[in-house]
Amino acid sequence: MAARKWFSSFFPSVKAQEEEDLVDPQTVLREKCAQQGHSAQLWEKYTACNDRVNSRSQTTETCVEELFDYLHELDHCVTKTLFSKLK
């Protein structure tokens, strides 16, 4: 115990302050953009394609194009305001 006090006299202990929970601004913006206009329509188009493909046993159709269209629109919407929110 005495050694600890002697040691701490040379090296003071520092206690961390409570930190706020960090929230990724990109995630927040993606959630907002996903519910807006064209992004929501593209999501519906993708889910309809996905349901159609999953209902068939043998098909060569994939929904890659619909997925890429949705992600492209979502990223386009997010980039309008993302960089202004970064520190």
PDB file of N, CA and C in Angstrom:
ATOM      1  N   MET A   1       0.814  -1.183   0.000  1.00  0.00           N
ATOM      2  CA  MET A   1       0.000   0.000   0.000  1.00  0.00           C
ATOM      3  C   MET A   1       0.865   1.257   0.000  1.00  0.00           C
ATOM      4  N   ALA A   2       1.915   1.230   0.807  1.00  0.00           N
ATOM      5  CA  ALA A   2       2.805   2.384   0.877  1.00  0.00           C
ATOM      6  C   ALA A   2       3.543   2.568  -0.442  1.00  0.00           C
ATOM      7  N   ALA A   3       3.886   1.446  -1.064  1.00  0.00           N
ATOM      8  CA  ALA A   3       4.582   1.527  -2.347  1.00  0.00           C
ATOM      9  C   ALA A   3       3.679   2.132  -3.420  1.00  0.00           C
ATOM     10  N   ARG A   4       2.411   1.824  -3.346  1.00  0.00           N
ATOM     11  CA  ARG A   4       1.459   2.368  -4.320  1.00  0.00           C
ATOM     12  C   ARG A   4       1.355   3.886  -4.175  1.00  0.00           C
ATOM     13  N   LYS A   5       1.266   4.366  -2.945  1.00  0.00           N
ATOM     14  CA  LYS A   5       1.193   5.811  -2.715  1.00  0.00           C
ATOM     15  C   LYS A   5       2.484   6.484  -3.172  1.00  0.00           C
ATOM     16  N   TRP A   6       3.617   5.862  -2.871  1.00  0.00           N
ATOM     17  CA  TRP A   6       4.893   6.428  -3.286  1.00  0.00           C
ATOM     18  C   TRP A   6       4.975   6.469  -4.810  1.00  0.00           C
ATOM     19  N   PHE A   7       4.556   5.377  -5.470  1.00  0.00           N
ATOM     20  CA  PHE A   7       4.591   5.294  -6.923  1.00  0.00           C
ATOM     21  C   PHE A   7       3.649   6.320  -7.548  1.00  0.00           C
ATOM     22  N   SER A   8       2.456   6.474  -6.967  1.00  0.00           N
ATOM     23  CA  SER A   8       1.482   7.416  -7.536  1.00  0.00           C
ATOM     24  C   SER A   8       1.894   8.864  -7.325  1.00  0.00           C
ATOM     25  N   SER A   9       2.805   9.123  -6.395  1.00  0.00           N
ATOM     26  CA  SER A   9       3.275  10.495  -6.218  1.00  0.00           C
ATOM     27  C   SER A   9       4.108  10.935  -7.421  1.00  0.00           C
ATOM     28  N   PHE A  10       4.755   9.983  -8.102  1.00  0.00           N
ATOM     29  CA  PHE A  10       5.529  10.298  -9.293  1.00  0.00           C
ATOM     30  C   PHE A  10       4.696  10.229 -10.574  1.00  0.00           C
ATOM     31  N   PHE A  11       3.726   9.333 -10.563  1.00  0.00           N
ATOM     32  CA  PHE A  11       2.871   9.123 -11.728  1.00  0.00           C
ATOM     33  C   PHE A  11       1.416   9.266 -11.306  1.00  0.00           C
ATOM     34  N   PRO A  12       0.878  10.452 -11.409  1.00  0.00           N
ATOM     35  CA  PRO A  12      -0.517  10.626 -10.982  1.00  0.00           C
ATOM     36  C   PRO A  12      -1.467   9.835 -11.874  1.00  0.00           C
ATOM     37  N   SER A  13      -2.506   9.356 -11.275  1.00  0.00           N
ATOM     38  CA  SER A  13      -3.485   8.594 -12.043  1.00  0.00           C
ATOM     39  C   SER A  13      -4.470   9.559 -12.693  1.00  0.00           C
ATOM     40  N   VAL A  14      -4.870   9.194 -13.854  1.00  0.00           N
ATOM     41  CA  VAL A  14      -5.815  10.001 -14.615  1.00  0.00           C
ATOM     42  C   VAL A  14      -7.056   9.158 -14.833  1.00  0.00           C
ATOM     43  N   LYS A  15      -8.188   9.727 -14.488  1.00  0.00           N
ATOM     44  CA  LYS A  15      -9.444   9.005 -14.662  1.00  0.00           C
ATOM     45  C   LYS A  15     -10.158   9.554 -15.886  1.00  0.00           C
ATOM     46  N   ALA A  16     -10.657   8.651 -16.674  1.00  0.00           N
ATOM     47  CA  ALA A  16     -11.345   9.049 -17.904  1.00  0.00           C
ATOM     48  C   ALA A  16     -12.705   9.646 -17.575  1.00  0.00           C
ATOM     49  N   GLN A  17     -13.061  10.647 -18.338  1.00  0.00           N
ATOM     50  CA  GLN A  17     -14.384  11.230 -18.195  1.00  0.00           C
ATOM     51  C   GLN A  17     -15.372  10.348 -18.932  1.00  0.00           C
ATOM     52  N   GLU A  18     -16.613  10.466 -18.546  1.00  0.00           N
ATOM     53  CA  GLU A  18     -17.631   9.681 -19.251  1.00  0.00           C
ATOM     54  C   GLU A  18     -17.725  10.163 -20.686  1.00  0.00           C
ATOM     55  N   GLU A  19     -17.712   9.211 -21.585  1.00  0.00           N
ATOM     56  CA  GLU A  19     -17.788   9.543 -23.001  1.00  0.00           C
ATOM     57  C   GLU A  19     -19.207   9.344 -23.497  1.00  0.00           C
ATOM     58  N   GLU A  20     -19.579  10.168 -24.430  1.00  0.00           N
ATOM     59  CA  GLU A  20     -20.870   9.985 -25.073  1.00  0.00           C
ATOM     60  C   GLU A  20     -20.770   8.790 -26.014  1.00  0.00           C
ATOM     61  N   ASP A  21     -21.870   8.106 -26.190  1.00  0.00           N
ATOM     62  CA  ASP A  21     -21.874   7.018 -27.157  1.00  0.00           C
ATOM     63  C   ASP A  21     -21.733   7.618 -28.549  1.00  0.00           C
ATOM     64  N   LEU A  22     -20.725   7.186 -29.257  1.00  0.00           N
ATOM     65  CA  LEU A  22     -20.486   7.709 -30.595  1.00  0.00           C
ATOM     66  C   LEU A  22     -21.445   7.056 -31.577  1.00  0.00           C
ATOM     67  N   VAL A  23     -21.989   7.853 -32.437  1.00  0.00           N
ATOM     68  CA  VAL A  23     -22.919   7.375 -33.449  1.00  0.00           C
ATOM     69  C   VAL A  23     -22.320   7.696 -34.806  1.00  0.00           C
ATOM     70  N   ASP A  24     -22.289   6.701 -35.669  1.00  0.00           N
ATOM     71  CA  ASP A  24     -21.750   6.890 -37.006  1.00  0.00           C
ATOM     72  C   ASP A  24     -22.741   7.722 -37.821  1.00  0.00           C
ATOM     73  N   PRO A  25     -22.333   8.920 -38.265  1.00  0.00           N
ATOM     74  CA  PRO A  25     -23.267   9.764 -39.016  1.00  0.00           C
ATOM     75  C   PRO A  25     -23.702   9.131 -40.341  1.00  0.00           C
ATOM     76  N   GLN A  26     -22.872   8.280 -40.931  1.00  0.00           N
ATOM     77  CA  GLN A  26     -23.256   7.636 -42.182  1.00  0.00           C
ATOM     78  C   GLN A  26     -24.437   6.697 -41.953  1.00  0.00           C
ATOM     79  N   THR A  27     -24.429   5.978 -40.848  1.00  0.00           N
ATOM     80  CA  THR A  27     -25.533   5.064 -40.544  1.00  0.00           C
ATOM     81  C   THR A  27     -26.837   5.831 -40.354  1.00  0.00           C
ATOM     82  N   VAL A  28     -26.753   6.941 -39.639  1.00  0.00           N
ATOM     83  CA  VAL A  28     -27.951   7.761 -39.400  1.00  0.00           C
ATOM     84  C   VAL A  28     -28.490   8.310 -40.719  1.00  0.00           C
ATOM     85  N   LEU A  29     -27.591   8.812 -41.552  1.00  0.00           N
ATOM     86  CA  LEU A  29     -28.021   9.373 -42.834  1.00  0.00           C
ATOM     87  C   LEU A  29     -28.582   8.298 -43.763  1.00  0.00           C
ATOM     88  N   ARG A  30     -28.001   7.105 -43.734  1.00  0.00           N
ATOM     89  CA  ARG A  30     -28.517   6.012 -44.580  1.00  0.00           C
ATOM     90  C   ARG A  30     -29.945   5.651 -44.166  1.00  0.00           C
ATOM     91  N   GLU A  31     -30.201   5.635 -42.863  1.00  0.00           N
ATOM     92  CA  GLU A  31     -31.552   5.321 -42.394  1.00  0.00           C
ATOM     93  C   GLU A  31     -32.548   6.377 -42.845  1.00  0.00           C
ATOM     94  N   LYS A  32     -32.137   7.648 -42.775  1.00  0.00           N
ATOM     95  CA  LYS A  32     -33.029   8.727 -43.217  1.00  0.00           C
ATOM     96  C   LYS A  32     -33.260   8.669 -44.726  1.00  0.00           C
ATOM     97  N   CYS A  33     -32.186   8.477 -45.476  1.00  0.00           N
ATOM     98  CA  CYS A  33     -32.303   8.458 -46.935  1.00  0.00           C
ATOM     99  C   CYS A  33     -33.086   7.243 -47.426  1.00  0.00           C
ATOM    100  N   ALA A  34     -32.998   6.132 -46.715  1.00  0.00           N
ATOM    101  CA  ALA A  34     -33.702   4.917 -47.138  1.00  0.00           C
ATOM    102  C   ALA A  34     -35.210   5.107 -47.117  1.00  0.00           C
ATOM    103  N   GLN A  35     -35.688   6.035 -46.326  1.00  0.00           N
ATOM    104  CA  GLN A  35     -37.134   6.251 -46.205  1.00  0.00           C
ATOM    105  C   GLN A  35     -37.643   7.340 -47.139  1.00  0.00           C
ATOM    106  N   GLN A  36     -36.750   7.964 -47.869  1.00  0.00           N
ATOM    107  CA  GLN A  36     -37.158   9.073 -48.723  1.00  0.00           C
ATOM    108  C   GLN A  36     -37.391   8.623 -50.154  1.00  0.00           C
ATOM    109  N   GLY A  37     -38.339   9.247 -50.801  1.00  0.00           N
ATOM    110  CA  GLY A  37     -38.712   9.139 -52.197  1.00  0.00           C
ATOM    111  C   GLY A  37     -38.142   8.021 -53.038  1.00  0.00           C
ATOM    112  N   HIS A  38     -37.169   8.353 -53.859  1.00  0.00           N
ATOM    113  CA  HIS A  38     -36.661   7.430 -54.863  1.00  0.00           C
ATOM    114  C   HIS A  38     -35.970   6.218 -54.234  1.00  0.00           C
ATOM    115  N   SER A  39     -35.288   6.413 -53.119  1.00  0.00           N
ATOM    116  CA  SER A  39     -34.625   5.288 -52.443  1.00  0.00           C
ATOM    117  C   SER A  39     -35.648   4.260 -51.971  1.00  0.00           C
ATOM    118  N   ALA A  40     -36.741   4.734 -51.440  1.00  0.00           N
ATOM    119  CA  ALA A  40     -37.783   3.825 -50.966  1.00  0.00           C
ATOM    120  C   ALA A  40     -38.388   3.045 -52.136  1.00  0.00           C
ATOM    121  N   GLN A  41     -38.570   3.705 -53.270  1.00  0.00           N
ATOM    122  CA  GLN A  41     -39.104   3.025 -54.451  1.00  0.00           C
ATOM    123  C   GLN A  41     -38.140   1.958 -54.957  1.00  0.00           C
ATOM    124  N   LEU A  42     -36.856   2.268 -54.959  1.00  0.00           N
ATOM    125  CA  LEU A  42     -35.866   1.291 -55.409  1.00  0.00           C
ATOM    126  C   LEU A  42     -35.767   0.111 -54.443  1.00  0.00           C
ATOM    127  N   TRP A  43     -35.957   0.372 -53.146  1.00  0.00           N
ATOM    128  CA  TRP A  43     -35.952  -0.724 -52.166  1.00  0.00           C
ATOM    129  C   TRP A  43     -37.135  -1.661 -52.422  1.00  0.00           C
ATOM    130  N   GLU A  44     -38.300  -1.091 -52.694  1.00  0.00           N
ATOM    131  CA  GLU A  44     -39.478  -1.903 -53.002  1.00  0.00           C
ATOM    132  C   GLU A  44     -39.253  -2.734 -54.269  1.00  0.00           C
ATOM    133  N   LYS A  45     -38.623  -2.141 -55.259  1.00  0.00           N
ATOM    134  CA  LYS A  45     -38.314  -2.853 -56.501  1.00  0.00           C
ATOM    135  C   LYS A  45     -37.360  -4.014 -56.223  1.00  0.00           C
ATOM    136  N   TYR A  46     -36.366  -3.778 -55.364  1.00  0.00           N
ATOM    137  CA  TYR A  46     -35.409  -4.829 -55.014  1.00  0.00           C
ATOM    138  C   TYR A  46     -36.092  -5.949 -54.224  1.00  0.00           C
ATOM    139  N   THR A  47     -36.917  -5.619 -53.257  1.00  0.00           N
ATOM    140  CA  THR A  47     -37.578  -6.667 -52.461  1.00  0.00           C
ATOM    141  C   THR A  47     -38.552  -7.468 -53.315  1.00  0.00           C
ATOM    142  N   ALA A  48     -39.228  -6.810 -54.270  1.00  0.00           N
ATOM    143  CA  ALA A  48     -40.124  -7.543 -55.172  1.00  0.00           C
ATOM    144  C   ALA A  48     -39.321  -8.521 -56.026  1.00  0.00           C
ATOM    145  N   CYS A  49     -38.186  -8.089 -56.518  1.00  0.00           N
ATOM    146  CA  CYS A  49     -37.322  -8.976 -57.310  1.00  0.00           C
ATOM    147  C   CYS A  49     -36.819 -10.129 -56.455  1.00  0.00           C
ATOM    148  N   ASN A  50     -36.404  -9.827 -55.255  1.00  0.00           N
ATOM    149  CA  ASN A  50     -35.886 -10.852 -54.353  1.00  0.00           C
ATOM    150  C   ASN A  50     -36.958 -11.888 -54.015  1.00  0.00           C
ATOM    151  N   ASP A  51     -38.173 -11.420 -53.765  1.00  0.00           N
ATOM    152  CA  ASP A  51     -39.285 -12.351 -53.497  1.00  0.00           C
ATOM    153  C   ASP A  51     -39.573 -13.227 -54.712  1.00  0.00           C
ATOM    154  N   ARG A  52     -39.531 -12.610 -55.890  1.00  0.00           N
ATOM    155  CA  ARG A  52     -39.787 -13.350 -57.129  1.00  0.00           C
ATOM    156  C   ARG A  52     -38.722 -14.431 -57.345  1.00  0.00           C
ATOM    157  N   VAL A  53     -37.476 -14.102 -57.123  1.00  0.00           N
ATOM    158  CA  VAL A  53     -36.389 -15.059 -57.316  1.00  0.00           C
ATOM    159  C   VAL A  53     -36.474 -16.183 -56.278  1.00  0.00           C
ATOM    160  N   ASN A  54     -36.778 -15.836 -55.047  1.00  0.00           N
ATOM    161  CA  ASN A  54     -36.858 -16.852 -53.989  1.00  0.00           C
ATOM    162  C   ASN A  54     -38.062 -17.779 -54.148  1.00  0.00           C
ATOM    163  N   SER A  55     -39.083 -17.332 -54.867  1.00  0.00           N
ATOM    164  CA  SER A  55     -40.268 -18.173 -55.040  1.00  0.00           C
ATOM    165  C   SER A  55     -40.076 -19.245 -56.113  1.00  0.00           C
ATOM    166  N   ARG A  56     -39.047 -19.103 -56.924  1.00  0.00           N
ATOM    167  CA  ARG A  56     -38.792 -20.074 -57.999  1.00  0.00           C
ATOM    168  C   ARG A  56     -37.698 -21.048 -57.566  1.00  0.00           C
ATOM    169  N   SER A  57     -37.857 -22.280 -58.030  1.00  0.00           N
ATOM    170  CA  SER A  57     -36.848 -23.279 -57.658  1.00  0.00           C
ATOM    171  C   SER A  57     -35.642 -23.249 -58.595  1.00  0.00           C
ATOM    172  N   GLN A  58     -35.889 -23.017 -59.869  1.00  0.00           N
ATOM    173  CA  GLN A  58     -34.787 -22.961 -60.827  1.00  0.00           C
ATOM    174  C   GLN A  58     -34.913 -21.670 -61.638  1.00  0.00           C
ATOM    175  N   THR A  59     -33.969 -20.773 -61.410  1.00  0.00           N
ATOM    176  CA  THR A  59     -33.965 -19.521 -62.162  1.00  0.00           C
ATOM    177  C   THR A  59     -32.539 -19.010 -62.276  1.00  0.00           C
ATOM    178  N   THR A  60     -32.286 -18.318 -63.342  1.00  0.00           N
ATOM    179  CA  THR A  60     -30.967 -17.710 -63.517  1.00  0.00           C
ATOM    180  C   THR A  60     -31.021 -16.218 -63.188  1.00  0.00           C
ATOM    181  N   GLU A  61     -32.207 -15.735 -62.869  1.00  0.00           N
ATOM    182  CA  GLU A  61     -32.367 -14.316 -62.554  1.00  0.00           C
ATOM    183  C   GLU A  61     -31.725 -13.996 -61.207  1.00  0.00           C
ATOM    184  N   THR A  62     -31.058 -12.873 -61.156  1.00  0.00           N
ATOM    185  CA  THR A  62     -30.535 -12.348 -59.894  1.00  0.00           C
ATOM    186  C   THR A  62     -31.030 -10.916 -59.753  1.00  0.00           C
ATOM    187  N   CYS A  63     -30.923 -10.399 -58.583  1.00  0.00           N
ATOM    188  CA  CYS A  63     -31.394  -9.030 -58.322  1.00  0.00           C
ATOM    189  C   CYS A  63     -30.225  -8.072 -58.115  1.00  0.00           C
ATOM    190  N   VAL A  64     -29.118  -8.374 -58.720  1.00  0.00           N
ATOM    191  CA  VAL A  64     -27.920  -7.567 -58.544  1.00  0.00           C
ATOM    192  C   VAL A  64     -28.130  -6.155 -59.086  1.00  0.00           C
ATOM    193  N   GLU A  65     -28.750  -6.043 -60.237  1.00  0.00           N
ATOM    194  CA  GLU A  65     -28.968  -4.718 -60.821  1.00  0.00           C
ATOM    195  C   GLU A  65     -29.839  -3.849 -59.914  1.00  0.00           C
ATOM    196  N   GLU A  66     -30.907  -4.430 -59.381  1.00  0.00           N
ATOM    197  CA  GLU A  66     -31.793  -3.690 -58.485  1.00  0.00           C
ATOM    198  C   GLU A  66     -31.066  -3.284 -57.205  1.00  0.00           C
ATOM    199  N   LEU A  67     -30.235  -4.193 -56.691  1.00  0.00           N
ATOM    200  CA  LEU A  67     -29.478  -3.885 -55.482  1.00  0.00           C
ATOM    201  C   LEU A  67     -28.489  -2.758 -55.734  1.00  0.00           C
ATOM    202  N   PHE A  68     -27.766  -2.823 -56.844  1.00  0.00           N
ATOM    203  CA  PHE A  68     -26.798  -1.774 -57.165  1.00  0.00           C
ATOM    204  C   PHE A  68     -27.492  -0.430 -57.379  1.00  0.00           C
ATOM    205  N   ASP A  69     -28.654  -0.432 -58.032  1.00  0.00           N
ATOM    206  CA  ASP A  69     -29.400   0.818 -58.227  1.00  0.00           C
ATOM    207  C   ASP A  69     -29.793   1.420 -56.883  1.00  0.00           C
ATOM    208  N   TYR A  70     -30.265   0.578 -55.970  1.00  0.00           N
ATOM    209  CA  TYR A  70     -30.673   1.055 -54.647  1.00  0.00           C
ATOM    210  C   TYR A  70     -29.473   1.610 -53.872  1.00  0.00           C
ATOM    211  N   LEU A  71     -28.371   0.868 -53.835  1.00  0.00           N
ATOM    212  CA  LEU A  71     -27.195   1.321 -53.092  1.00  0.00           C
ATOM    213  C   LEU A  71     -26.592   2.590 -53.699  1.00  0.00           C
ATOM    214  N   HIS A  72     -26.626   2.692 -55.008  1.00  0.00           N
ATOM    215  CA  HIS A  72     -26.125   3.896 -55.666  1.00  0.00           C
ATOM    216  C   HIS A  72     -26.949   5.113 -55.262  1.00  0.00           C
ATOM    217  N   GLU A  73     -28.255   4.983 -55.282  1.00  0.00           N
ATOM    218  CA  GLU A  73     -29.135   6.088 -54.899  1.00  0.00           C
ATOM    219  C   GLU A  73     -28.971   6.435 -53.426  1.00  0.00           C
ATOM    220  N   LEU A  74     -28.836   5.418 -52.598  1.00  0.00           N
ATOM    221  CA  LEU A  74     -28.658   5.635 -51.162  1.00  0.00           C
ATOM    222  C   LEU A  74     -27.346   6.381 -50.895  1.00  0.00           C
ATOM    223  N   ASP A  75     -26.273   5.953 -51.517  1.00  0.00           N
ATOM    224  CA  ASP A  75     -24.983   6.628 -51.342  1.00  0.00           C
ATOM    225  C   ASP A  75     -25.015   8.048 -51.888  1.00  0.00           C
ATOM    226  N   HIS A  76     -25.706   8.251 -52.985  1.00  0.00           N
ATOM    227  CA  HIS A  76     -25.838   9.593 -53.566  1.00  0.00           C
ATOM    228  C   HIS A  76     -26.537  10.529 -52.586  1.00  0.00           C
ATOM    229  N   CYS A  77     -27.580  10.028 -51.952  1.00  0.00           N
ATOM    230  CA  CYS A  77     -28.330  10.828 -50.979  1.00  0.00           C
ATOM    231  C   CYS A  77     -27.472  11.131 -49.747  1.00  0.00           C
ATOM    232  N   VAL A  78     -26.720  10.153 -49.279  1.00  0.00           N
ATOM    233  CA  VAL A  78     -25.917  10.315 -48.066  1.00  0.00           C
ATOM    234  C   VAL A  78     -24.766  11.298 -48.287  1.00  0.00           C
ATOM    235  N   THR A  79     -24.140  11.251 -49.440  1.00  0.00           N
ATOM    236  CA  THR A  79     -22.972  12.095 -49.668  1.00  0.00           C
ATOM    237  C   THR A  79     -23.303  13.579 -49.741  1.00  0.00           C
ATOM    238  N   LYS A  80     -24.545  13.923 -49.912  1.00  0.00           N
ATOM    239  CA  LYS A  80     -24.921  15.347 -49.947  1.00  0.00           C
ATOM    240  C   LYS A  80     -24.606  16.024 -48.619  1.00  0.00           C
ATOM    241  N   THR A  81     -24.770  15.313 -47.502  1.00  0.00           N
ATOM    242  CA  THR A  81     -24.585  15.960 -46.194  1.00  0.00           C
ATOM    243  C   THR A  81     -23.590  15.258 -45.288  1.00  0.00           C
ATOM    244  N   LEU A  82     -23.041  14.131 -45.690  1.00  0.00           N
ATOM    245  CA  LEU A  82     -22.158  13.373 -44.804  1.00  0.00           C
ATOM    246  C   LEU A  82     -20.915  14.139 -44.385  1.00  0.00           C
ATOM    247  N   PHE A  83     -20.225  14.741 -45.328  1.00  0.00           N
ATOM    248  CA  PHE A  83     -18.941  15.350 -45.026  1.00  0.00           C
ATOM    249  C   PHE A  83     -19.077  16.611 -44.176  1.00  0.00           C
ATOM    250  N   SER A  84     -20.231  17.237 -44.178  1.00  0.00           N
ATOM    251  CA  SER A  84     -20.439  18.388 -43.313  1.00  0.00           C
ATOM    252  C   SER A  84     -20.629  17.959 -41.855  1.00  0.00           C
ATOM    253  N   LYS A  85     -20.943  16.683 -41.612  1.00  0.00           N
ATOM    254  CA  LYS A  85     -21.158  16.187 -40.261  1.00  0.00           C
ATOM    255  C   LYS A  85     -19.928  15.537 -39.652  1.00  0.00           C
ATOM    256  N   LEU A  86     -18.883  15.321 -40.446  1.00  0.00           N
ATOM    257  CA  LEU A  86     -17.665  14.706 -39.937  1.00  0.00           C
ATOM    258  C   LEU A  86     -16.807  15.737 -39.228  1.00  0.00           C
ATOM    259  N   LYS A  87     -16.091  15.266 -38.214  1.00  0.00           N
ATOM    260  CA  LYS A  87     -15.225  16.175 -37.462  1.00  0.00           C
ATOM    261  C   LYS A  87     -13.802  16.031 -37.916  1.00  0.00           C
TER     262      LYS A  87
END
